């Protein structure tokens, strides 16, 4: 994926889509320049969904801890 546009540099993409009823959980995942970006969108978010997913991914990949922003 192209990330440089002259003086501008794309660092991350954060898509968010809300559809469905109030309990719908939407997760978007993308890699850019070797970094994994996760977005959680919901009208009624599950409190630790992204943190739990990051923990599972870290354990499964045996890499250094992920930075949650």
Protein backbone atom coordinates (compact mmCIF):
# COMPACT_ATOMS: atom_id res chain seq x y z
CA UNK A 1 0.00 0.00 0.00
CA UNK A 2 1.34 3.40 -0.91
CA UNK A 3 1.98 5.53 2.20
CA UNK A 4 3.89 8.55 0.85
CA UNK A 5 2.27 11.34 -1.14
CA UNK A 6 4.86 14.06 -1.67
CA UNK A 7 5.35 15.80 1.67
CA UNK A 8 2.42 13.91 3.19
CA UNK A 9 2.84 10.50 4.83
CA UNK A 10 -0.02 8.17 5.75
CA UNK A 11 0.60 6.76 9.23
CA UNK A 12 -2.68 4.97 10.01
CA UNK A 13 -6.22 4.29 8.84
CA UNK A 14 -9.07 4.02 11.30
CA UNK A 15 -12.29 2.95 9.58
CA UNK A 16 -15.41 2.85 11.74
CA UNK A 17 -18.77 1.50 10.62
CA UNK A 18 -21.85 1.36 12.80
CA UNK A 19 -24.73 -0.77 11.58
CA UNK A 20 -27.18 -3.18 13.11
CA UNK A 21 -28.80 -2.93 16.52
CA UNK A 22 -27.46 -1.46 19.76
CA UNK A 23 -25.56 -4.66 20.68
CA UNK A 24 -23.57 -4.82 17.40
CA UNK A 25 -19.78 -4.85 17.79
CA UNK A 26 -17.79 -3.76 14.70
CA UNK A 27 -14.06 -4.50 14.56
CA UNK A 28 -11.82 -3.11 11.82
CA UNK A 29 -8.26 -4.38 11.43
CA UNK A 30 -5.57 -3.15 9.04
CA UNK A 31 -1.79 -3.35 8.81
CA UNK A 32 0.19 -0.38 7.59
CA UNK A 33 3.99 -0.11 7.50
CA UNK A 34 4.31 -3.22 9.65
CA UNK A 35 1.91 -2.01 12.39
CA UNK A 36 -1.45 -3.57 13.22
CA UNK A 37 -4.28 -1.08 13.81
CA UNK A 38 -7.54 -2.18 15.45
CA UNK A 39 -10.70 -0.08 15.72
CA UNK A 40 -13.73 -1.03 17.79
CA UNK A 41 -17.01 0.77 17.03
CA UNK A 42 -20.27 0.15 18.86
CA UNK A 43 -23.21 2.00 20.37
CA UNK A 44 -22.79 -0.21 23.46
CA UNK A 45 -19.12 -1.37 23.44
CA UNK A 46 -17.91 -4.38 25.36
CA UNK A 47 -15.42 -2.86 27.84
CA UNK A 48 -12.33 -4.98 27.24
CA UNK A 49 -12.91 -6.45 23.77
CA UNK A 50 -9.91 -4.79 22.06
CA UNK A 51 -7.59 -5.26 25.04
CA UNK A 52 -8.52 -8.96 25.26
CA UNK A 53 -7.97 -9.38 21.50
CA UNK A 54 -4.54 -7.69 21.75
CA UNK A 55 -3.56 -10.00 24.61
CA UNK A 56 -4.60 -13.09 22.61
CA UNK A 57 -2.73 -11.85 19.50
CA UNK A 58 0.41 -11.10 21.51
CA UNK A 59 0.41 -14.54 23.15
CA UNK A 60 -0.31 -16.28 19.84
CA UNK A 61 2.43 -14.48 17.92
CA UNK A 62 5.09 -14.55 20.67
CA UNK A 63 6.20 -10.97 19.91
CA UNK A 64 6.76 -7.95 22.10
CA UNK A 65 3.62 -6.44 23.71
CA UNK A 66 1.29 -4.42 21.49
CA UNK A 67 0.84 -0.70 22.12
CA UNK A 68 -2.82 0.18 22.68
CA UNK A 69 -3.60 3.79 21.79
